[in-house]
Amino acid sequence: MKSLIFSGSMVRSILDGTKTQTRRPVIPQPVLTRDGTWRWEDGGSLIQGDSEYLARIMPYAVSGPYTAGDVLYGRETWASYTLDGKTEYLYKADPMFDSSEPGDIGWKWRSPMFMPQSAARIFLKVTGLRVERLQDISELEAKSEGFDRRICSVGYFNDKCMICIHSFCFAATWESLYAKKPEYKWGKNPWVYVISFERTEAGKQHG
């Protein structure tokens, strides 16, 4: 089963139902040619044309990451322990760990990179996939990414300014996530996959 990694704040947004979209960079990125068209080659596919053409064709290329109907499991920061011969799991995104660490009682957090499907509690059914430039995100869709005033701690919000709070928070968070990958930073306006999803119990049957 395919998977997606989520930060703690995004895990909370998924669990409370406010996050129904995620954006991930297209790899490799399309290249703008001298004649003003975009060229994208990956996995034996070669697509070239204007922005509208690429956006329409790329989701169906052989290297596209997901298709509608796929069930994914969400990977997050986690820990595990054994009690009475049964493995139990802890999740750093849970509010109970806002002021404590599992290390305080002998456990350590593990990277989402190493979370197996059997440890997952979040399963998502892909409902849509499209390709667009990162800065094309709308205020409404930034909200669908799970961004609201509760998790906007980057200085873009105050009680007198309600305009574009969601998209500003999204942009700032994207910058922090891709700080070490300048080709994907907000100012570069990279091409991204827009993945829409809904919670499902289907994946748990095969965990």
N, C-alpha and C. Protein backbone atom coordinates (compact mmCIF):
# COMPACT_ATOMS: atom_id res chain seq x y z
N MET A 1 0.83 -1.19 0.00
CA MET A 1 0.00 0.00 0.00
C MET A 1 0.87 1.24 0.00
N LYS A 2 0.52 2.23 -0.82
CA LYS A 2 1.26 3.48 -0.86
C LYS A 2 0.96 4.31 0.39
N SER A 3 1.80 5.30 0.63
CA SER A 3 1.65 6.08 1.85
C SER A 3 2.01 7.54 1.61
N LEU A 4 1.66 8.38 2.58
CA LEU A 4 2.02 9.79 2.59
C LEU A 4 2.47 10.17 3.99
N ILE A 5 3.51 10.99 4.09
CA ILE A 5 3.99 11.47 5.38
C ILE A 5 3.31 12.79 5.72
N PHE A 6 2.89 12.92 6.98
CA PHE A 6 2.24 14.14 7.43
C PHE A 6 2.90 14.63 8.73
N SER A 7 3.00 15.95 8.86
CA SER A 7 3.48 16.54 10.11
C SER A 7 2.41 16.40 11.18
N GLY A 8 2.81 16.68 12.42
CA GLY A 8 1.87 16.54 13.52
C GLY A 8 0.64 17.42 13.39
N SER A 9 0.82 18.68 12.98
CA SER A 9 -0.32 19.58 12.85
C SER A 9 -1.26 19.12 11.75
N MET A 10 -0.70 18.56 10.68
CA MET A 10 -1.54 18.07 9.59
C MET A 10 -2.27 16.79 9.98
N VAL A 11 -1.63 15.96 10.80
CA VAL A 11 -2.32 14.77 11.33
C VAL A 11 -3.55 15.20 12.11
N ARG A 12 -3.40 16.21 12.95
CA ARG A 12 -4.54 16.69 13.73
C ARG A 12 -5.65 17.22 12.83
N SER A 13 -5.26 17.90 11.77
CA SER A 13 -6.26 18.44 10.84
C SER A 13 -6.99 17.33 10.10
N ILE A 14 -6.29 16.24 9.78
CA ILE A 14 -6.94 15.09 9.16
C ILE A 14 -7.92 14.46 10.14
N LEU A 15 -7.48 14.29 11.37
CA LEU A 15 -8.32 13.63 12.37
C LEU A 15 -9.57 14.44 12.70
N ASP A 16 -9.46 15.78 12.65
CA ASP A 16 -10.66 16.59 12.96
C ASP A 16 -11.47 16.92 11.70
N GLY A 17 -11.03 16.40 10.55
CA GLY A 17 -11.82 16.53 9.33
C GLY A 17 -11.61 17.80 8.53
N THR A 18 -10.64 18.64 8.92
CA THR A 18 -10.45 19.91 8.20
C THR A 18 -9.44 19.80 7.06
N LYS A 19 -8.67 18.74 7.01
CA LYS A 19 -7.69 18.56 5.92
C LYS A 19 -8.18 17.48 4.97
N THR A 20 -8.45 17.88 3.73
CA THR A 20 -8.94 16.95 2.71
C THR A 20 -8.10 17.04 1.44
N GLN A 21 -6.99 17.77 1.49
CA GLN A 21 -6.09 17.90 0.35
C GLN A 21 -4.65 17.92 0.84
N THR A 22 -3.74 17.53 -0.04
CA THR A 22 -2.32 17.71 0.22
C THR A 22 -1.61 17.97 -1.10
N ARG A 23 -0.56 18.76 -1.08
CA ARG A 23 0.23 19.07 -2.27
C ARG A 23 1.63 18.53 -2.11
N ARG A 24 2.13 17.90 -3.16
CA ARG A 24 3.48 17.36 -3.16
C ARG A 24 4.18 17.73 -4.48
N PRO A 25 5.48 18.03 -4.43
CA PRO A 25 6.18 18.44 -5.65
C PRO A 25 6.17 17.35 -6.73
N VAL A 26 6.03 17.76 -7.97
CA VAL A 26 6.22 16.86 -9.10
C VAL A 26 7.73 16.62 -9.24
N ILE A 27 8.12 15.36 -9.30
CA ILE A 27 9.53 15.01 -9.43
C ILE A 27 9.72 14.08 -10.62
N PRO A 28 10.55 14.46 -11.60
CA PRO A 28 11.27 15.74 -11.72
C PRO A 28 10.34 16.85 -12.16
N GLN A 29 10.79 18.08 -11.98
CA GLN A 29 10.01 19.25 -12.37
C GLN A 29 10.04 19.45 -13.90
N PRO A 30 8.92 19.91 -14.48
CA PRO A 30 8.94 20.33 -15.89
C PRO A 30 9.93 21.47 -16.08
N VAL A 31 10.47 21.57 -17.29
CA VAL A 31 11.46 22.59 -17.62
C VAL A 31 10.87 23.53 -18.67
N LEU A 32 11.01 24.82 -18.43
CA LEU A 32 10.53 25.83 -19.38
C LEU A 32 11.55 25.97 -20.50
N THR A 33 11.12 25.75 -21.74
CA THR A 33 12.03 25.79 -22.89
C THR A 33 12.14 27.21 -23.45
N ARG A 34 13.05 27.38 -24.39
CA ARG A 34 13.28 28.70 -24.98
C ARG A 34 12.08 29.21 -25.77
N ASP A 35 11.28 28.28 -26.30
CA ASP A 35 10.13 28.71 -27.08
C ASP A 35 8.89 28.97 -26.22
N GLY A 36 9.08 28.91 -24.88
CA GLY A 36 7.99 29.24 -23.97
C GLY A 36 7.06 28.10 -23.61
N THR A 37 7.37 26.89 -24.09
CA THR A 37 6.57 25.73 -23.71
C THR A 37 7.26 24.99 -22.57
N TRP A 38 6.50 24.12 -21.94
CA TRP A 38 7.03 23.30 -20.85
C TRP A 38 7.36 21.91 -21.37
N ARG A 39 8.46 21.35 -20.91
CA ARG A 39 8.89 20.01 -21.30
C ARG A 39 9.05 19.18 -20.04
N TRP A 40 8.40 18.02 -20.03
CA TRP A 40 8.46 17.15 -18.86
C TRP A 40 8.70 15.72 -19.32
N GLU A 41 9.76 15.12 -18.80
CA GLU A 41 10.13 13.77 -19.20
C GLU A 41 10.41 12.95 -17.95
N ASP A 42 9.73 11.82 -17.85
CA ASP A 42 9.94 10.97 -16.69
C ASP A 42 9.36 9.59 -16.98
N GLY A 43 10.10 8.57 -16.61
CA GLY A 43 9.61 7.20 -16.76
C GLY A 43 9.24 6.84 -18.19
N GLY A 44 9.94 7.39 -19.14
CA GLY A 44 9.65 7.09 -20.53
C GLY A 44 8.59 7.97 -21.14
N SER A 45 7.98 8.83 -20.34
CA SER A 45 6.95 9.74 -20.85
C SER A 45 7.60 11.07 -21.23
N LEU A 46 7.19 11.63 -22.35
CA LEU A 46 7.64 12.95 -22.77
C LEU A 46 6.42 13.77 -23.09
N ILE A 47 6.24 14.85 -22.35
CA ILE A 47 5.10 15.74 -22.56
C ILE A 47 5.64 17.14 -22.76
N GLN A 48 5.16 17.83 -23.77
CA GLN A 48 5.60 19.19 -24.02
C GLN A 48 4.42 20.02 -24.52
N GLY A 49 4.27 21.20 -23.97
CA GLY A 49 3.19 22.08 -24.37
C GLY A 49 3.06 23.24 -23.41
N ASP A 50 1.97 23.97 -23.51
CA ASP A 50 1.77 25.09 -22.60
C ASP A 50 1.30 24.59 -21.23
N SER A 51 1.13 25.52 -20.29
CA SER A 51 0.78 25.14 -18.92
C SER A 51 -0.53 24.38 -18.86
N GLU A 52 -1.52 24.83 -19.63
CA GLU A 52 -2.82 24.18 -19.61
C GLU A 52 -2.72 22.74 -20.09
N TYR A 53 -1.93 22.51 -21.13
CA TYR A 53 -1.77 21.15 -21.66
C TYR A 53 -1.10 20.25 -20.63
N LEU A 54 -0.01 20.73 -20.01
CA LEU A 54 0.67 19.91 -19.01
C LEU A 54 -0.25 19.56 -17.85
N ALA A 55 -1.00 20.56 -17.38
CA ALA A 55 -1.88 20.33 -16.24
C ALA A 55 -2.94 19.28 -16.56
N ARG A 56 -3.36 19.21 -17.81
CA ARG A 56 -4.39 18.27 -18.22
C ARG A 56 -3.85 16.85 -18.40
N ILE A 57 -2.60 16.72 -18.87
CA ILE A 57 -2.05 15.42 -19.24
C ILE A 57 -1.25 14.75 -18.13
N MET A 58 -0.50 15.52 -17.35
CA MET A 58 0.44 14.94 -16.39
C MET A 58 -0.18 14.00 -15.35
N PRO A 59 -1.39 14.24 -14.85
CA PRO A 59 -1.93 13.31 -13.86
C PRO A 59 -2.11 11.88 -14.39
N TYR A 60 -2.13 11.73 -15.71
CA TYR A 60 -2.37 10.41 -16.29
C TYR A 60 -1.09 9.78 -16.84
N ALA A 61 0.07 10.43 -16.59
CA ALA A 61 1.33 9.87 -17.05
C ALA A 61 1.67 8.62 -16.24
N VAL A 62 2.53 7.78 -16.79
CA VAL A 62 2.85 6.51 -16.15
C VAL A 62 3.50 6.70 -14.79
N SER A 63 4.14 7.84 -14.58
CA SER A 63 4.82 8.06 -13.31
C SER A 63 3.96 8.79 -12.29
N GLY A 64 2.69 9.04 -12.63
CA GLY A 64 1.81 9.70 -11.68
C GLY A 64 1.73 8.91 -10.38
N PRO A 65 1.74 9.60 -9.24
CA PRO A 65 1.87 8.90 -7.96
C PRO A 65 0.64 8.12 -7.52
N TYR A 66 -0.53 8.63 -7.82
CA TYR A 66 -1.76 8.01 -7.33
C TYR A 66 -2.86 8.15 -8.37
N THR A 67 -3.91 7.37 -8.19
CA THR A 67 -5.10 7.50 -9.01
C THR A 67 -6.32 7.50 -8.09
N ALA A 68 -7.41 8.05 -8.57
CA ALA A 68 -8.64 8.06 -7.78
C ALA A 68 -9.01 6.63 -7.40
N GLY A 69 -9.35 6.44 -6.13
CA GLY A 69 -9.70 5.12 -5.63
C GLY A 69 -8.59 4.45 -4.85
N ASP A 70 -7.35 4.92 -5.03
CA ASP A 70 -6.24 4.36 -4.26
C ASP A 70 -6.48 4.59 -2.77
N VAL A 71 -6.08 3.63 -1.95
CA VAL A 71 -6.12 3.79 -0.50
C VAL A 71 -4.68 3.90 0.00
N LEU A 72 -4.40 4.97 0.73
CA LEU A 72 -3.07 5.25 1.25
C LEU A 72 -3.10 5.20 2.77
N TYR A 73 -1.95 4.93 3.37
CA TYR A 73 -1.90 5.08 4.82
C TYR A 73 -1.01 6.26 5.17
N GLY A 74 -1.41 6.99 6.20
CA GLY A 74 -0.68 8.17 6.63
C GLY A 74 0.42 7.79 7.60
N ARG A 75 1.62 8.26 7.30
CA ARG A 75 2.76 8.03 8.18
C ARG A 75 3.02 9.27 9.02
N GLU A 76 3.28 9.06 10.29
CA GLU A 76 3.48 10.16 11.23
C GLU A 76 4.51 9.75 12.27
N THR A 77 4.96 10.69 13.08
CA THR A 77 5.92 10.38 14.15
C THR A 77 5.25 9.49 15.18
N TRP A 78 5.91 8.40 15.56
CA TRP A 78 5.26 7.36 16.36
C TRP A 78 6.25 6.69 17.30
N ALA A 79 5.71 5.89 18.19
CA ALA A 79 6.51 5.05 19.08
C ALA A 79 5.71 3.77 19.33
N SER A 80 6.35 2.76 19.82
CA SER A 80 5.65 1.51 20.10
C SER A 80 6.21 0.86 21.37
N TYR A 81 5.40 0.04 21.98
CA TYR A 81 5.83 -0.74 23.14
C TYR A 81 5.01 -2.01 23.18
N THR A 82 5.46 -2.97 23.95
CA THR A 82 4.78 -4.26 24.06
C THR A 82 4.18 -4.40 25.45
N LEU A 83 2.90 -4.73 25.49
CA LEU A 83 2.19 -4.93 26.75
C LEU A 83 1.45 -6.25 26.67
N ASP A 84 1.77 -7.15 27.58
CA ASP A 84 1.14 -8.47 27.62
C ASP A 84 1.24 -9.17 26.27
N GLY A 85 2.39 -9.04 25.65
CA GLY A 85 2.64 -9.72 24.38
C GLY A 85 2.02 -9.05 23.17
N LYS A 86 1.38 -7.87 23.34
CA LYS A 86 0.73 -7.16 22.25
C LYS A 86 1.42 -5.82 22.01
N THR A 87 1.65 -5.50 20.74
CA THR A 87 2.29 -4.24 20.39
C THR A 87 1.28 -3.10 20.42
N GLU A 88 1.61 -2.05 21.16
CA GLU A 88 0.76 -0.87 21.24
C GLU A 88 1.53 0.31 20.64
N TYR A 89 0.78 1.30 20.12
CA TYR A 89 1.41 2.42 19.43
C TYR A 89 1.04 3.76 20.07
N LEU A 90 1.98 4.68 20.00
CA LEU A 90 1.78 6.05 20.47
C LEU A 90 2.04 6.98 19.29
N TYR A 91 1.36 8.14 19.28
CA TYR A 91 1.48 9.08 18.17
C TYR A 91 1.76 10.47 18.71
N LYS A 92 2.85 11.07 18.23
CA LYS A 92 3.29 12.35 18.77
C LYS A 92 2.28 13.46 18.54
N ALA A 93 1.44 13.33 17.51
CA ALA A 93 0.45 14.37 17.21
C ALA A 93 -0.65 14.45 18.26
N ASP A 94 -0.80 13.42 19.08
CA ASP A 94 -1.87 13.44 20.07
C ASP A 94 -1.61 14.52 21.13
N PRO A 95 -2.65 15.26 21.52
CA PRO A 95 -2.49 16.37 22.48
C PRO A 95 -1.83 15.95 23.79
N MET A 96 -1.98 14.70 24.18
CA MET A 96 -1.40 14.25 25.45
C MET A 96 0.11 14.37 25.47
N PHE A 97 0.73 14.45 24.28
CA PHE A 97 2.18 14.55 24.23
C PHE A 97 2.67 15.97 23.97
N ASP A 98 1.78 16.95 24.07
CA ASP A 98 2.19 18.33 23.91
C ASP A 98 3.17 18.75 25.00
N SER A 99 3.05 18.15 26.17
CA SER A 99 3.90 18.55 27.29
C SER A 99 4.72 17.39 27.85
N SER A 100 4.75 16.26 27.15
CA SER A 100 5.54 15.14 27.63
C SER A 100 6.09 14.35 26.45
N GLU A 101 7.06 13.54 26.72
CA GLU A 101 7.69 12.74 25.68
C GLU A 101 7.67 11.28 26.11
N PRO A 102 7.52 10.35 25.15
CA PRO A 102 7.57 8.94 25.54
C PRO A 102 8.92 8.57 26.13
N GLY A 103 9.98 9.33 25.77
CA GLY A 103 11.30 9.07 26.34
C GLY A 103 11.33 9.24 27.84
N ASP A 104 10.38 10.02 28.37
CA ASP A 104 10.31 10.23 29.81
C ASP A 104 10.03 8.92 30.54
N ILE A 105 9.42 7.97 29.83
CA ILE A 105 9.11 6.69 30.46
C ILE A 105 9.70 5.52 29.68
N GLY A 106 10.78 5.82 28.96
CA GLY A 106 11.54 4.74 28.35
C GLY A 106 11.33 4.49 26.88
N TRP A 107 10.44 5.25 26.20
CA TRP A 107 10.24 5.05 24.77
C TRP A 107 10.79 6.23 24.01
N LYS A 108 11.05 6.03 22.73
CA LYS A 108 11.55 7.10 21.89
C LYS A 108 10.70 7.24 20.63
N TRP A 109 10.55 8.47 20.18
CA TRP A 109 9.83 8.71 18.94
C TRP A 109 10.61 8.16 17.77
N ARG A 110 9.88 7.66 16.79
CA ARG A 110 10.48 7.13 15.58
C ARG A 110 10.01 7.95 14.38
N SER A 111 10.87 8.06 13.40
CA SER A 111 10.57 8.87 12.22
C SER A 111 9.39 8.29 11.44
N PRO A 112 8.56 9.17 10.84
CA PRO A 112 7.49 8.68 9.95
C PRO A 112 8.02 7.84 8.81
N MET A 113 9.27 8.07 8.42
CA MET A 113 9.87 7.30 7.33
C MET A 113 9.84 5.81 7.60
N PHE A 114 9.85 5.44 8.88
CA PHE A 114 9.95 4.03 9.24
C PHE A 114 8.65 3.45 9.79
N MET A 115 7.54 4.17 9.58
CA MET A 115 6.27 3.66 10.08
C MET A 115 5.72 2.60 9.14
N PRO A 116 5.50 1.38 9.63
CA PRO A 116 4.89 0.34 8.79
C PRO A 116 3.38 0.53 8.73
N GLN A 117 2.76 -0.08 7.77
CA GLN A 117 1.31 0.02 7.64
C GLN A 117 0.60 -0.48 8.90
N SER A 118 1.18 -1.49 9.53
CA SER A 118 0.55 -2.07 10.72
C SER A 118 0.46 -1.09 11.88
N ALA A 119 1.29 -0.04 11.87
CA ALA A 119 1.27 0.95 12.94
C ALA A 119 0.36 2.12 12.63
N ALA A 120 -0.14 2.20 11.42
CA ALA A 120 -0.90 3.38 10.98
C ALA A 120 -2.31 3.40 11.57
N ARG A 121 -2.78 4.62 11.84
CA ARG A 121 -4.16 4.80 12.28
C ARG A 121 -4.96 5.63 11.28
N ILE A 122 -4.29 6.19 10.28
CA ILE A 122 -4.95 7.02 9.27
C ILE A 122 -4.88 6.34 7.91
N PHE A 123 -6.05 6.14 7.30
CA PHE A 123 -6.14 5.59 5.95
C PHE A 123 -6.99 6.52 5.11
N LEU A 124 -6.50 6.82 3.93
CA LEU A 124 -7.11 7.84 3.08
C LEU A 124 -7.42 7.27 1.71
N LYS A 125 -8.61 7.56 1.22
CA LYS A 125 -8.99 7.16 -0.14
C LYS A 125 -8.85 8.37 -1.05
N VAL A 126 -8.06 8.21 -2.12
CA VAL A 126 -7.83 9.30 -3.06
C VAL A 126 -9.11 9.55 -3.85
N THR A 127 -9.60 10.78 -3.82
CA THR A 127 -10.83 11.13 -4.54
C THR A 127 -10.54 11.97 -5.78
N GLY A 128 -9.30 12.47 -5.90
CA GLY A 128 -8.97 13.27 -7.07
C GLY A 128 -7.49 13.56 -7.13
N LEU A 129 -6.98 13.76 -8.34
CA LEU A 129 -5.58 14.11 -8.54
C LEU A 129 -5.48 15.06 -9.72
N ARG A 130 -4.78 16.17 -9.52
CA ARG A 130 -4.53 17.08 -10.62
C ARG A 130 -3.14 17.69 -10.44
N VAL A 131 -2.68 18.42 -11.46
CA VAL A 131 -1.37 19.07 -11.43
C VAL A 131 -1.56 20.56 -11.67
N GLU A 132 -0.84 21.38 -10.90
CA GLU A 132 -0.91 22.82 -11.07
C GLU A 132 0.36 23.45 -10.52
N ARG A 133 0.53 24.77 -10.71
CA ARG A 133 1.63 25.49 -10.09
C ARG A 133 1.28 25.76 -8.63
N LEU A 134 2.28 25.73 -7.78
CA LEU A 134 2.06 25.86 -6.34
C LEU A 134 1.30 27.13 -5.98
N GLN A 135 1.65 28.26 -6.59
CA GLN A 135 1.03 29.53 -6.22
C GLN A 135 -0.40 29.69 -6.74
N ASP A 136 -0.90 28.70 -7.46
CA ASP A 136 -2.29 28.75 -7.93
C ASP A 136 -3.28 28.37 -6.84
N ILE A 137 -2.79 27.98 -5.68
CA ILE A 137 -3.68 27.57 -4.60
C ILE A 137 -4.61 28.73 -4.23
N SER A 138 -5.87 28.44 -4.03
CA SER A 138 -6.84 29.45 -3.63
C SER A 138 -6.94 29.50 -2.11
N GLU A 139 -7.57 30.54 -1.61
CA GLU A 139 -7.77 30.66 -0.18
C GLU A 139 -8.61 29.50 0.35
N LEU A 140 -9.65 29.12 -0.39
CA LEU A 140 -10.51 28.01 0.03
C LEU A 140 -9.74 26.71 0.06
N GLU A 141 -8.88 26.49 -0.93
CA GLU A 141 -8.14 25.23 -0.96
C GLU A 141 -7.02 25.21 0.07
N ALA A 142 -6.47 26.37 0.41
CA ALA A 142 -5.50 26.42 1.50
C ALA A 142 -6.17 25.99 2.80
N LYS A 143 -7.43 26.37 2.94
CA LYS A 143 -8.18 25.92 4.12
C LYS A 143 -8.39 24.42 4.07
N SER A 144 -8.63 23.88 2.86
CA SER A 144 -8.79 22.43 2.72
C SER A 144 -7.49 21.68 2.98
N GLU A 145 -6.37 22.40 2.93
CA GLU A 145 -5.08 21.80 3.28
C GLU A 145 -4.93 21.66 4.79
N GLY A 146 -5.90 22.19 5.54
CA GLY A 146 -5.87 22.03 6.98
C GLY A 146 -5.34 23.23 7.73
N PHE A 147 -5.16 24.37 7.04
CA PHE A 147 -4.58 25.54 7.69
C PHE A 147 -5.67 26.46 8.22
N ASP A 148 -5.53 26.81 9.48
CA ASP A 148 -6.44 27.77 10.09
C ASP A 148 -5.69 28.53 11.18
N ARG A 149 -6.38 29.40 11.87
CA ARG A 149 -5.73 30.28 12.84
C ARG A 149 -5.11 29.52 14.00
N ARG A 150 -5.54 28.30 14.26
CA ARG A 150 -4.98 27.55 15.38
C ARG A 150 -3.53 27.17 15.16
N ILE A 151 -3.16 26.91 13.90
CA ILE A 151 -1.81 26.41 13.65
C ILE A 151 -0.97 27.41 12.87
N CYS A 152 -1.45 28.64 12.72
CA CYS A 152 -0.68 29.65 12.02
C CYS A 152 0.20 30.38 13.03
N SER A 153 1.40 29.89 13.24
CA SER A 153 2.29 30.46 14.25
C SER A 153 3.49 31.13 13.59
N VAL A 154 3.29 31.62 12.36
CA VAL A 154 4.42 32.15 11.60
C VAL A 154 4.38 33.67 11.46
N GLY A 155 3.51 34.33 12.22
CA GLY A 155 3.49 35.78 12.20
C GLY A 155 2.65 36.42 11.12
N TYR A 156 1.85 35.62 10.42
CA TYR A 156 1.03 36.18 9.35
C TYR A 156 -0.40 36.46 9.79
N PHE A 157 -0.69 36.28 11.05
CA PHE A 157 -2.06 36.45 11.49
C PHE A 157 -2.15 37.37 12.70
N ASN A 158 -3.14 38.23 12.72
CA ASN A 158 -3.53 38.92 13.93
C ASN A 158 -5.04 39.13 13.87
N ASP A 159 -5.63 39.52 14.98
CA ASP A 159 -7.08 39.59 15.07
C ASP A 159 -7.70 40.61 14.13
N LYS A 160 -6.91 41.55 13.62
CA LYS A 160 -7.43 42.58 12.73
C LYS A 160 -7.26 42.23 11.24
N CYS A 161 -6.61 41.12 10.96
CA CYS A 161 -6.32 40.76 9.57
C CYS A 161 -6.83 39.35 9.29
N MET A 162 -7.93 39.26 8.57
CA MET A 162 -8.49 37.94 8.25
C MET A 162 -8.33 37.60 6.77
N ILE A 163 -7.68 38.46 5.99
CA ILE A 163 -7.57 38.24 4.54
C ILE A 163 -6.40 37.30 4.25
N CYS A 164 -6.69 36.22 3.52
CA CYS A 164 -5.66 35.30 3.06
C CYS A 164 -4.88 34.64 4.19
N ILE A 165 -5.48 34.51 5.35
CA ILE A 165 -4.75 33.86 6.44
C ILE A 165 -4.37 32.43 6.07
N HIS A 166 -5.28 31.70 5.45
CA HIS A 166 -5.01 30.29 5.17
C HIS A 166 -3.87 30.13 4.17
N SER A 167 -3.91 30.90 3.08
CA SER A 167 -2.87 30.78 2.06
C SER A 167 -1.53 31.29 2.56
N PHE A 168 -1.51 32.32 3.42
CA PHE A 168 -0.25 32.78 3.98
C PHE A 168 0.35 31.71 4.89
N CYS A 169 -0.48 31.09 5.70
CA CYS A 169 0.01 30.02 6.57
C CYS A 169 0.53 28.85 5.74
N PHE A 170 -0.20 28.51 4.70
CA PHE A 170 0.24 27.42 3.82
C PHE A 170 1.60 27.74 3.21
N ALA A 171 1.75 28.96 2.67
CA ALA A 171 2.99 29.34 2.01
C ALA A 171 4.17 29.30 2.99
N ALA A 172 3.97 29.83 4.18
CA ALA A 172 5.05 29.85 5.16
C ALA A 172 5.43 28.44 5.60
N THR A 173 4.43 27.59 5.78
CA THR A 173 4.71 26.22 6.18
C THR A 173 5.43 25.47 5.07
N TRP A 174 4.99 25.68 3.83
CA TRP A 174 5.66 25.05 2.68
C TRP A 174 7.13 25.46 2.66
N GLU A 175 7.41 26.74 2.89
CA GLU A 175 8.79 27.22 2.90
C GLU A 175 9.63 26.49 3.94
N SER A 176 9.05 26.28 5.11
CA SER A 176 9.80 25.60 6.18
C SER A 176 10.04 24.13 5.85
N LEU A 177 9.08 23.50 5.22
CA LEU A 177 9.21 22.08 4.88
C LEU A 177 10.27 21.84 3.80
N TYR A 178 10.39 22.80 2.88
CA TYR A 178 11.32 22.63 1.76
C TYR A 178 12.48 23.61 1.83
N ALA A 179 12.86 23.99 3.04
CA ALA A 179 13.95 24.95 3.23
C ALA A 179 15.27 24.43 2.65
N LYS A 180 15.46 23.12 2.69
CA LYS A 180 16.70 22.53 2.20
C LYS A 180 16.60 22.06 0.75
N LYS A 181 15.48 22.35 0.11
CA LYS A 181 15.29 21.99 -1.29
C LYS A 181 14.81 23.23 -2.04
N PRO A 182 15.74 24.13 -2.38
CA PRO A 182 15.37 25.43 -2.94
C PRO A 182 14.58 25.34 -4.24
N GLU A 183 14.72 24.25 -4.97
CA GLU A 183 13.99 24.14 -6.23
C GLU A 183 12.49 24.01 -6.02
N TYR A 184 12.06 23.68 -4.79
CA TYR A 184 10.64 23.52 -4.50
C TYR A 184 10.07 24.66 -3.66
N LYS A 185 10.86 25.69 -3.37
CA LYS A 185 10.39 26.76 -2.49
C LYS A 185 9.26 27.56 -3.15
N TRP A 186 8.51 28.24 -2.31
CA TRP A 186 7.33 28.98 -2.76
C TRP A 186 7.67 29.94 -3.90
N GLY A 187 8.76 30.66 -3.76
CA GLY A 187 9.12 31.65 -4.77
C GLY A 187 9.44 31.05 -6.13
N LYS A 188 9.81 29.78 -6.17
CA LYS A 188 10.08 29.10 -7.44
C LYS A 188 8.80 28.68 -8.14
N ASN A 189 7.69 28.69 -7.39
CA ASN A 189 6.38 28.31 -7.95
C ASN A 189 6.45 26.97 -8.68
N PRO A 190 6.88 25.91 -7.99
CA PRO A 190 7.04 24.62 -8.64
C PRO A 190 5.70 23.99 -9.04
N TRP A 191 5.78 23.02 -9.92
CA TRP A 191 4.61 22.22 -10.26
C TRP A 191 4.37 21.22 -9.13
N VAL A 192 3.10 21.04 -8.76
CA VAL A 192 2.76 20.14 -7.66
C VAL A 192 1.59 19.24 -8.04
N TYR A 193 1.57 18.07 -7.42
CA TYR A 193 0.38 17.23 -7.47
C TYR A 193 -0.58 17.70 -6.39
N VAL A 194 -1.83 17.86 -6.71
CA VAL A 194 -2.87 18.20 -5.74
C VAL A 194 -3.68 16.92 -5.52
N ILE A 195 -3.56 16.36 -4.33
CA ILE A 195 -4.19 15.09 -4.01
C ILE A 195 -5.36 15.34 -3.06
N SER A 196 -6.56 15.04 -3.50
CA SER A 196 -7.75 15.15 -2.65
C SER A 196 -8.07 13.78 -2.07
N PHE A 197 -8.57 13.75 -0.84
CA PHE A 197 -8.81 12.46 -0.20
C PHE A 197 -9.92 12.55 0.83
N GLU A 198 -10.36 11.39 1.29
CA GLU A 198 -11.31 11.28 2.38
C GLU A 198 -10.89 10.13 3.28
N ARG A 199 -11.24 10.21 4.55
CA ARG A 199 -10.90 9.14 5.49
C ARG A 199 -11.65 7.87 5.11
N THR A 200 -11.00 6.73 5.35
CA THR A 200 -11.62 5.44 5.09
C THR A 200 -11.11 4.43 6.09
N GLU A 201 -11.88 3.39 6.30
CA GLU A 201 -11.47 2.29 7.18
C GLU A 201 -10.91 1.13 6.38
N ALA A 202 -10.93 1.22 5.05
CA ALA A 202 -10.60 0.09 4.19
C ALA A 202 -9.19 -0.45 4.45
N GLY A 203 -8.21 0.44 4.62
CA GLY A 203 -6.84 -0.01 4.78
C GLY A 203 -6.61 -0.82 6.03
N LYS A 204 -7.42 -0.59 7.06
CA LYS A 204 -7.21 -1.30 8.33
C LYS A 204 -7.46 -2.78 8.19
N GLN A 205 -8.22 -3.17 7.19
CA GLN A 205 -8.51 -4.58 6.99
C GLN A 205 -7.27 -5.34 6.56
N HIS A 206 -6.26 -4.62 6.05
CA HIS A 206 -5.07 -5.28 5.56
C HIS A 206 -3.82 -4.87 6.33
N GLY A 207 -4.02 -4.24 7.48
CA GLY A 207 -2.89 -3.75 8.24
C GLY A 207 -2.09 -4.88 8.88
